[in-house]
Structures are given as structure tokens and as C-alpha cells.
Amino acid sequence: MTTTIRKKAGRTNKAAATTNKYTKPTKPDTSLAESSPEERWKVIAVAAYHKAEQRGFAPGDELQDWVEAEKEIDTLLFG
């Protein structure tokens, strides 16, 4: 007995595509590194916010949060 698998036109099996251990690794997303200064600023602002959140939004260390976030994001983007 032979089993046939039929696919509907235009549809893909996303589960199989994401769980296949033999898929070729993709390149890292460099779109942010190539984006505008405004986009970089937005990403740094979000990272600084999360740093402030982690320390309970205590006042007085906002600049330190920003500087650390900027260093981390630039390291991720530019190595």
C-alpha cells in the first residue's frame, strides 16, 4: 500500500519548516544596524526603560541606564 501526501496550493507546513533540524541557519538580522539614527535611539530608549524597570524606577540613575543601554545596543549592532 502506498501513501500519498497532498498539499494545497500556496500553503506551507510551518510546523515542519520550523522543527526541521536540517534547515540552513539564517544570517543575523542586520536591518537595525543599517537603520536610521532615530530607530537606533528608539531601541536604546526601550533598553534604558527596561534597565530602569529592573531597578524599580528609583530616581537618580537615569543617565547611567541610558549609557549602559547605549553601550549594549552598539555592541550588539556593531560588535
Protein backbone atom coordinates (compact mmCIF):
# COMPACT_ATOMS: atom_id res chain seq x y z
CA MET A 1 0.00 0.00 0.00
CA THR A 2 1.32 3.45 -0.93
CA THR A 3 0.52 6.60 0.99
CA THR A 4 0.47 9.90 -0.83
CA ILE A 5 0.73 13.32 0.75
CA ARG A 6 -1.21 16.09 -0.86
CA LYS A 7 -0.55 19.76 -0.36
CA LYS A 8 -2.95 22.54 -1.06
CA ALA A 9 -1.59 25.08 -3.49
CA GLY A 10 0.02 28.11 -1.86
CA ARG A 11 0.13 26.65 1.65
CA THR A 12 3.18 25.52 3.54
CA ASN A 13 3.61 23.40 6.59
CA LYS A 14 5.04 25.94 9.07
CA ALA A 15 5.47 23.39 11.86
CA ALA A 16 7.63 21.17 9.69
CA ALA A 17 9.65 24.14 8.49
CA THR A 18 10.43 25.36 11.99
CA THR A 19 11.24 21.97 13.51
CA ASN A 20 13.43 20.62 10.76
CA LYS A 21 16.90 20.25 12.27
CA TYR A 22 18.47 20.18 8.83
CA THR A 23 17.43 23.66 7.79
CA LYS A 24 20.18 26.03 6.82
CA PRO A 25 20.86 28.68 9.50
CA THR A 26 19.91 32.17 8.51
CA LYS A 27 22.13 35.22 8.70
CA PRO A 28 21.65 37.56 11.65
CA ASP A 29 19.25 40.42 11.07
CA THR A 30 21.39 43.45 10.27
CA SER A 31 18.48 45.70 9.38
CA LEU A 32 18.76 47.64 12.64
CA ALA A 33 22.47 48.26 12.09
CA GLU A 34 21.56 49.76 8.72
CA SER A 35 18.59 51.75 10.02
CA SER A 36 18.25 55.43 10.79
CA PRO A 37 19.61 57.18 13.89
CA GLU A 38 16.01 57.58 15.03
CA GLU A 39 15.47 53.81 15.03
CA ARG A 40 18.70 53.29 16.99
CA TRP A 41 17.55 55.90 19.51
CA LYS A 42 14.20 54.10 19.93
CA VAL A 43 15.89 50.77 20.62
CA ILE A 44 18.23 52.36 23.16
CA ALA A 45 15.26 54.08 24.84
CA VAL A 46 13.47 50.76 25.25
CA ALA A 47 16.60 49.11 26.65
CA ALA A 48 17.11 52.01 29.10
CA TYR A 49 13.48 51.73 30.17
CA HIS A 50 13.95 48.05 30.95
CA LYS A 51 17.07 48.84 32.98
CA ALA A 52 15.11 51.42 35.00
CA GLU A 53 12.31 48.91 35.46
CA GLN A 54 14.76 46.31 36.78
CA ARG A 55 15.92 48.73 39.47
CA GLY A 56 12.37 49.68 40.43
CA PHE A 57 12.37 53.07 38.66
CA ALA A 58 14.32 54.59 41.56
CA PRO A 59 15.23 58.16 40.63
CA GLY A 60 18.78 59.34 40.10
CA ASP A 61 20.28 56.71 37.77
CA GLU A 62 18.51 57.56 34.51
CA LEU A 63 21.70 58.71 32.78
CA GLN A 64 23.52 55.55 33.85
CA ASP A 65 20.65 53.45 32.46
CA TRP A 66 20.91 55.26 29.13
CA VAL A 67 24.70 54.99 28.89
CA GLU A 68 24.66 51.27 29.69
CA ALA A 69 21.83 50.63 27.22
CA GLU A 70 23.64 52.59 24.51
CA LYS A 71 26.84 50.56 25.03
CA GLU A 72 24.93 47.26 24.95
CA ILE A 73 22.96 48.11 21.82
CA ASP A 74 26.01 49.41 19.97
CA THR A 75 27.91 46.25 20.91
CA LEU A 76 25.09 44.12 19.55
CA LEU A 77 24.83 46.15 16.37
CA PHE A 78 28.44 46.88 15.56
CA GLY A 79 30.44 44.32 17.52
